[in-house]
Structures are given as structure tokens and as C-alpha cells.
PDB file of N, CA and C in Angstrom:
ATOM      1  N   UNK A   1       0.818  -1.194   0.000  1.00  0.00           N
ATOM      2  CA  UNK A   1       0.000   0.000   0.000  1.00  0.00           C
ATOM      3  C   UNK A   1       0.866   1.265   0.000  1.00  0.00           C
ATOM      4  N   UNK A   2       1.953   1.216   0.713  1.00  0.00           N
ATOM      5  CA  UNK A   2       2.845   2.369   0.786  1.00  0.00           C
ATOM      6  C   UNK A   2       3.463   2.677  -0.576  1.00  0.00           C
ATOM      7  N   UNK A   3       3.739   1.632  -1.349  1.00  0.00           N
ATOM      8  CA  UNK A   3       4.302   1.835  -2.686  1.00  0.00           C
ATOM      9  C   UNK A   3       3.331   2.600  -3.586  1.00  0.00           C
ATOM     10  N   UNK A   4       2.055   2.286  -3.460  1.00  0.00           N
ATOM     11  CA  UNK A   4       1.042   2.977  -4.256  1.00  0.00           C
ATOM     12  C   UNK A   4       0.988   4.450  -3.875  1.00  0.00           C
ATOM     13  N   UNK A   5       1.039   4.739  -2.604  1.00  0.00           N
ATOM     14  CA  UNK A   5       1.026   6.129  -2.146  1.00  0.00           C
ATOM     15  C   UNK A   5       2.271   6.879  -2.599  1.00  0.00           C
ATOM     16  N   UNK A   6       3.410   6.206  -2.584  1.00  0.00           N
ATOM     17  CA  UNK A   6       4.638   6.839  -3.063  1.00  0.00           C
ATOM     18  C   UNK A   6       4.550   7.160  -4.555  1.00  0.00           C
ATOM     19  N   UNK A   7       4.001   6.235  -5.334  1.00  0.00           N
ATOM     20  CA  UNK A   7       3.822   6.482  -6.766  1.00  0.00           C
ATOM     21  C   UNK A   7       2.836   7.620  -7.011  1.00  0.00           C
ATOM     22  N   UNK A   8       1.788   7.663  -6.203  1.00  0.00           N
ATOM     23  CA  UNK A   8       0.808   8.734  -6.339  1.00  0.00           C
ATOM     24  C   UNK A   8       1.441  10.093  -6.065  1.00  0.00           C
ATOM     25  N   UNK A   9       2.316  10.155  -5.087  1.00  0.00           N
ATOM     26  CA  UNK A   9       3.010  11.407  -4.776  1.00  0.00           C
ATOM     27  C   UNK A   9       3.898  11.843  -5.937  1.00  0.00           C
ATOM     28  N   UNK A  10       4.485  10.887  -6.624  1.00  0.00           N
ATOM     29  CA  UNK A  10       5.363  11.198  -7.750  1.00  0.00           C
ATOM     30  C   UNK A  10       4.552  11.679  -8.954  1.00  0.00           C
ATOM     31  N   UNK A  11       3.442  11.012  -9.257  1.00  0.00           N
ATOM     32  CA  UNK A  11       2.683  11.309 -10.463  1.00  0.00           C
ATOM     33  C   UNK A  11       1.611  12.379 -10.289  1.00  0.00           C
ATOM     34  N   UNK A  12       1.345  12.818  -9.076  1.00  0.00           N
ATOM     35  CA  UNK A  12       0.331  13.839  -8.823  1.00  0.00           C
ATOM     36  C   UNK A  12       0.592  15.132  -9.612  1.00  0.00           C
ATOM     37  N   UNK A  13       1.815  15.675  -9.605  1.00  0.00           N
ATOM     38  CA  UNK A  13       2.059  16.897 -10.395  1.00  0.00           C
ATOM     39  C   UNK A  13       1.838  16.694 -11.897  1.00  0.00           C
ATOM     40  N   UNK A  14       2.170  15.521 -12.417  1.00  0.00           N
ATOM     41  CA  UNK A  14       1.931  15.247 -13.839  1.00  0.00           C
ATOM     42  C   UNK A  14       0.440  15.200 -14.157  1.00  0.00           C
ATOM     43  N   UNK A  15      -0.336  14.642 -13.249  1.00  0.00           N
ATOM     44  CA  UNK A  15      -1.783  14.586 -13.442  1.00  0.00           C
ATOM     45  C   UNK A  15      -2.377  15.993 -13.452  1.00  0.00           C
ATOM     46  N   UNK A  16      -1.945  16.827 -12.530  1.00  0.00           N
ATOM     47  CA  UNK A  16      -2.429  18.207 -12.480  1.00  0.00           C
ATOM     48  C   UNK A  16      -2.020  18.955 -13.747  1.00  0.00           C
ATOM     49  N   UNK A  17      -0.779  18.777 -14.185  1.00  0.00           N
ATOM     50  CA  UNK A  17      -0.304  19.411 -15.413  1.00  0.00           C
ATOM     51  C   UNK A  17      -1.129  18.958 -16.611  1.00  0.00           C
ATOM     52  N   UNK A  18      -1.417  17.680 -16.701  1.00  0.00           N
ATOM     53  CA  UNK A  18      -2.216  17.137 -17.798  1.00  0.00           C
ATOM     54  C   UNK A  18      -3.599  17.772 -17.829  1.00  0.00           C
ATOM     55  N   UNK A  19      -4.247  17.858 -16.691  1.00  0.00           N
ATOM     56  CA  UNK A  19      -5.596  18.421 -16.637  1.00  0.00           C
ATOM     57  C   UNK A  19      -5.582  19.902 -17.011  1.00  0.00           C
ATOM     58  N   UNK A  20      -4.618  20.652 -16.489  1.00  0.00           N
ATOM     59  CA  UNK A  20      -4.533  22.080 -16.804  1.00  0.00           C
ATOM     60  C   UNK A  20      -4.269  22.313 -18.292  1.00  0.00           C
ATOM     61  N   UNK A  21      -3.343  21.561 -18.866  1.00  0.00           N
ATOM     62  CA  UNK A  21      -3.063  21.696 -20.300  1.00  0.00           C
ATOM     63  C   UNK A  21      -4.279  21.331 -21.148  1.00  0.00           C
ATOM     64  N   UNK A  22      -4.987  20.275 -20.755  1.00  0.00           N
ATOM     65  CA  UNK A  22      -6.153  19.842 -21.509  1.00  0.00           C
ATOM     66  C   UNK A  22      -7.248  20.909 -21.477  1.00  0.00           C
ATOM     67  N   UNK A  23      -7.515  21.453 -20.300  1.00  0.00           N
ATOM     68  CA  UNK A  23      -8.545  22.488 -20.185  1.00  0.00           C
ATOM     69  C   UNK A  23      -8.152  23.723 -20.991  1.00  0.00           C
ATOM     70  N   UNK A  24      -6.893  24.144 -20.868  1.00  0.00           N
ATOM     71  CA  UNK A  24      -6.414  25.324 -21.598  1.00  0.00           C
ATOM     72  C   UNK A  24      -6.558  25.114 -23.107  1.00  0.00           C
ATOM     73  N   UNK A  25      -6.136  23.957 -23.597  1.00  0.00           N
ATOM     74  CA  UNK A  25      -6.204  23.684 -25.034  1.00  0.00           C
ATOM     75  C   UNK A  25      -7.653  23.601 -25.518  1.00  0.00           C
ATOM     76  N   UNK A  26      -8.537  22.977 -24.744  1.00  0.00           N
ATOM     77  CA  UNK A  26      -9.937  22.869 -25.164  1.00  0.00           C
ATOM     78  C   UNK A  26     -10.622  24.234 -25.178  1.00  0.00           C
ATOM     79  N   UNK A  27     -10.351  25.065 -24.182  1.00  0.00           N
ATOM     80  CA  UNK A  27     -10.922  26.415 -24.163  1.00  0.00           C
ATOM     81  C   UNK A  27     -10.396  27.220 -25.347  1.00  0.00           C
ATOM     82  N   UNK A  28      -9.116  27.110 -25.619  1.00  0.00           N
ATOM     83  CA  UNK A  28      -8.522  27.808 -26.755  1.00  0.00           C
ATOM     84  C   UNK A  28      -9.124  27.310 -28.070  1.00  0.00           C
ATOM     85  N   UNK A  29      -9.350  26.017 -28.163  1.00  0.00           N
ATOM     86  CA  UNK A  29      -9.951  25.430 -29.362  1.00  0.00           C
ATOM     87  C   UNK A  29     -11.354  25.983 -29.599  1.00  0.00           C
ATOM     88  N   UNK A  30     -12.112  26.160 -28.540  1.00  0.00           N
ATOM     89  CA  UNK A  30     -13.465  26.700 -28.659  1.00  0.00           C
ATOM     90  C   UNK A  30     -13.427  28.161 -29.099  1.00  0.00           C
ATOM     91  N   UNK A  31     -12.486  28.926 -28.593  1.00  0.00           N
ATOM     92  CA  UNK A  31     -12.420  30.363 -28.876  1.00  0.00           C
ATOM     93  C   UNK A  31     -11.867  30.699 -30.257  1.00  0.00           C
ATOM     94  N   UNK A  32     -10.973  29.883 -30.787  1.00  0.00           N
ATOM     95  CA  UNK A  32     -10.367  30.177 -32.090  1.00  0.00           C
ATOM     96  C   UNK A  32     -11.296  29.751 -33.219  1.00  0.00           C
ATOM     97  N   UNK A  33     -11.461  30.639 -34.172  1.00  0.00           N
ATOM     98  CA  UNK A  33     -12.301  30.334 -35.332  1.00  0.00           C
ATOM     99  C   UNK A  33     -11.524  29.581 -36.406  1.00  0.00           C
ATOM    100  N   UNK A  34     -10.258  29.941 -36.586  1.00  0.00           N
ATOM    101  CA  UNK A  34      -9.436  29.310 -37.621  1.00  0.00           C
ATOM    102  C   UNK A  34      -8.464  28.322 -36.991  1.00  0.00           C
ATOM    103  N   UNK A  35      -8.379  27.142 -37.590  1.00  0.00           N
ATOM    104  CA  UNK A  35      -7.470  26.104 -37.115  1.00  0.00           C
ATOM    105  C   UNK A  35      -6.567  25.669 -38.259  1.00  0.00           C
ATOM    106  N   UNK A  36      -5.441  25.091 -37.904  1.00  0.00           N
ATOM    107  CA  UNK A  36      -4.518  24.570 -38.916  1.00  0.00           C
ATOM    108  C   UNK A  36      -4.434  23.050 -38.782  1.00  0.00           C
ATOM    109  N   UNK A  37      -4.314  22.373 -39.896  1.00  0.00           N
ATOM    110  CA  UNK A  37      -4.003  20.957 -39.892  1.00  0.00           C
ATOM    111  C   UNK A  37      -5.181  20.014 -39.919  1.00  0.00           C
ATOM    112  N   UNK A  38      -6.041  20.078 -38.926  1.00  0.00           N
ATOM    113  CA  UNK A  38      -7.137  19.118 -38.791  1.00  0.00           C
ATOM    114  C   UNK A  38      -8.443  19.847 -38.501  1.00  0.00           C
ATOM    115  N   UNK A  39      -9.582  19.175 -38.718  1.00  0.00           N
ATOM    116  CA  UNK A  39     -10.859  19.773 -38.314  1.00  0.00           C
ATOM    117  C   UNK A  39     -10.977  19.796 -36.783  1.00  0.00           C
ATOM    118  N   UNK A  40     -11.914  20.572 -36.297  1.00  0.00           N
ATOM    119  CA  UNK A  40     -12.087  20.773 -34.852  1.00  0.00           C
ATOM    120  C   UNK A  40     -12.274  19.447 -34.099  1.00  0.00           C
ATOM    121  N   UNK A  41     -13.095  18.542 -34.631  1.00  0.00           N
ATOM    122  CA  UNK A  41     -13.359  17.287 -33.933  1.00  0.00           C
ATOM    123  C   UNK A  41     -12.082  16.454 -33.784  1.00  0.00           C
ATOM    124  N   UNK A  42     -11.201  16.520 -34.780  1.00  0.00           N
ATOM    125  CA  UNK A  42      -9.945  15.763 -34.703  1.00  0.00           C
ATOM    126  C   UNK A  42      -9.031  16.356 -33.636  1.00  0.00           C
ATOM    127  N   UNK A  43      -9.007  17.688 -33.532  1.00  0.00           N
ATOM    128  CA  UNK A  43      -8.191  18.310 -32.488  1.00  0.00           C
ATOM    129  C   UNK A  43      -8.704  17.941 -31.101  1.00  0.00           C
ATOM    130  N   UNK A  44     -10.021  17.838 -30.947  1.00  0.00           N
ATOM    131  CA  UNK A  44     -10.567  17.416 -29.647  1.00  0.00           C
ATOM    132  C   UNK A  44     -10.053  16.028 -29.291  1.00  0.00           C
ATOM    133  N   UNK A  45     -10.080  15.110 -30.246  1.00  0.00           N
ATOM    134  CA  UNK A  45      -9.586  13.754 -29.987  1.00  0.00           C
ATOM    135  C   UNK A  45      -8.098  13.756 -29.649  1.00  0.00           C
ATOM    136  N   UNK A  46      -7.318  14.546 -30.365  1.00  0.00           N
ATOM    137  CA  UNK A  46      -5.876  14.627 -30.102  1.00  0.00           C
ATOM    138  C   UNK A  46      -5.620  15.178 -28.708  1.00  0.00           C
ATOM    139  N   UNK A  47      -6.316  16.254 -28.350  1.00  0.00           N
ATOM    140  CA  UNK A  47      -6.117  16.886 -27.040  1.00  0.00           C
ATOM    141  C   UNK A  47      -6.491  15.934 -25.911  1.00  0.00           C
ATOM    142  N   UNK A  48      -7.603  15.236 -26.059  1.00  0.00           N
ATOM    143  CA  UNK A  48      -8.110  14.400 -24.964  1.00  0.00           C
ATOM    144  C   UNK A  48      -7.364  13.072 -24.841  1.00  0.00           C
ATOM    145  N   UNK A  49      -7.010  12.449 -25.962  1.00  0.00           N
ATOM    146  CA  UNK A  49      -6.493  11.087 -25.888  1.00  0.00           C
ATOM    147  C   UNK A  49      -4.976  10.941 -25.968  1.00  0.00           C
ATOM    148  N   UNK A  50      -4.246  11.993 -26.282  1.00  0.00           N
ATOM    149  CA  UNK A  50      -2.788  11.863 -26.356  1.00  0.00           C
ATOM    150  C   UNK A  50      -2.155  12.543 -25.142  1.00  0.00           C
ATOM    151  N   UNK A  51      -2.675  12.257 -23.999  1.00  0.00           N
ATOM    152  CA  UNK A  51      -2.171  12.728 -22.704  1.00  0.00           C
ATOM    153  C   UNK A  51      -1.492  14.086 -22.747  1.00  0.00           C
ATOM    154  N   UNK A  52      -0.339  14.235 -22.181  1.00  0.00           N
ATOM    155  CA  UNK A  52       0.300  15.544 -22.060  1.00  0.00           C
ATOM    156  C   UNK A  52       0.681  16.101 -23.430  1.00  0.00           C
ATOM    157  N   UNK A  53       1.049  15.256 -24.363  1.00  0.00           N
ATOM    158  CA  UNK A  53       1.539  15.729 -25.652  1.00  0.00           C
ATOM    159  C   UNK A  53       0.436  16.257 -26.571  1.00  0.00           C
ATOM    160  N   UNK A  54      -0.789  15.764 -26.439  1.00  0.00           N
ATOM    161  CA  UNK A  54      -1.888  16.222 -27.292  1.00  0.00           C
ATOM    162  C   UNK A  54      -2.165  17.714 -27.170  1.00  0.00           C
ATOM    163  N   UNK A  55      -2.364  18.220 -25.944  1.00  0.00           N
ATOM    164  CA  UNK A  55      -2.564  19.670 -25.808  1.00  0.00           C
ATOM    165  C   UNK A  55      -1.373  20.487 -26.289  1.00  0.00           C
ATOM    166  N   UNK A  56      -0.167  20.000 -26.048  1.00  0.00           N
ATOM    167  CA  UNK A  56       1.025  20.728 -26.496  1.00  0.00           C
ATOM    168  C   UNK A  56       1.079  20.755 -28.022  1.00  0.00           C
ATOM    169  N   UNK A  57       0.773  19.627 -28.662  1.00  0.00           N
ATOM    170  CA  UNK A  57       0.751  19.574 -30.129  1.00  0.00           C
ATOM    171  C   UNK A  57      -0.261  20.572 -30.676  1.00  0.00           C
ATOM    172  N   UNK A  58      -1.451  20.624 -30.060  1.00  0.00           N
ATOM    173  CA  UNK A  58      -2.454  21.588 -30.531  1.00  0.00           C
ATOM    174  C   UNK A  58      -1.967  23.025 -30.352  1.00  0.00           C
ATOM    175  N   UNK A  59      -1.459  23.350 -29.172  1.00  0.00           N
ATOM    176  CA  UNK A  59      -1.054  24.727 -28.897  1.00  0.00           C
ATOM    177  C   UNK A  59       0.098  25.179 -29.790  1.00  0.00           C
ATOM    178  N   UNK A  60       0.959  24.257 -30.192  1.00  0.00           N
ATOM    179  CA  UNK A  60       2.093  24.623 -31.044  1.00  0.00           C
ATOM    180  C   UNK A  60       1.703  24.628 -32.528  1.00  0.00           C
ATOM    181  N   UNK A  61       0.992  23.602 -32.983  1.00  0.00           N
ATOM    182  CA  UNK A  61       0.753  23.434 -34.416  1.00  0.00           C
ATOM    183  C   UNK A  61      -0.680  23.707 -34.874  1.00  0.00           C
ATOM    184  N   UNK A  62      -1.664  23.637 -33.994  1.00  0.00           N
ATOM    185  CA  UNK A  62      -3.055  23.687 -34.429  1.00  0.00           C
ATOM    186  C   UNK A  62      -3.722  25.038 -34.403  1.00  0.00           C
ATOM    187  N   UNK A  63      -3.177  25.963 -33.654  1.00  0.00           N
ATOM    188  CA  UNK A  63      -3.818  27.266 -33.533  1.00  0.00           C
ATOM    189  C   UNK A  63      -3.669  28.056 -34.820  1.00  0.00           C
ATOM    190  N   UNK A  64      -4.783  28.621 -35.264  1.00  0.00           N
ATOM    191  CA  UNK A  64      -4.742  29.482 -36.436  1.00  0.00           C
ATOM    192  C   UNK A  64      -4.454  30.916 -36.030  1.00  0.00           C
ATOM    193  N   UNK A  65      -4.493  31.784 -37.005  1.00  0.00           N
ATOM    194  CA  UNK A  65      -4.280  33.207 -36.734  1.00  0.00           C
ATOM    195  C   UNK A  65      -5.505  33.782 -36.042  1.00  0.00           C
ATOM    196  N   UNK A  66      -5.293  34.762 -35.187  1.00  0.00           N
ATOM    197  CA  UNK A  66      -6.421  35.404 -34.500  1.00  0.00           C
ATOM    198  C   UNK A  66      -7.013  36.488 -35.334  1.00  0.00           C
TER     199      UNK A  66
END
């Protein structure tokens, strides 16, 4: 049981980072009218299912011009 708690302590910051990045990317996706690369539904799937890297990929490559 102690091992599980130790692992949870290690991965807790990554979980928080993942959730914050996902929320930020999804809100940004909703607000932007123009996107690059993929349609909106595909970006949602990328953001949600590719853990930490999905939101980063969207924020770097998917955002269109404002």
C-alpha cells in the first residue's frame, strides 16, 4: 500500500499538469475560429487522448491566426 502512495506522490504533479493543459487547449480550441491541420473534432480527440503531448501539439501546431 505504501508503494502505491509513493507512486501517487510522484505522479500527482503530472496529473495536475495534464488536466490544466487539456482544459487550456480545449478552451482555446473553442475560442479560435481558424485552425490549422485538422478539423475541430480531430483536435478534440488529439487533445483528450494523447495525454500531455496532445494539448502541447495543438497549442504549437493547431492554432490558427487570430
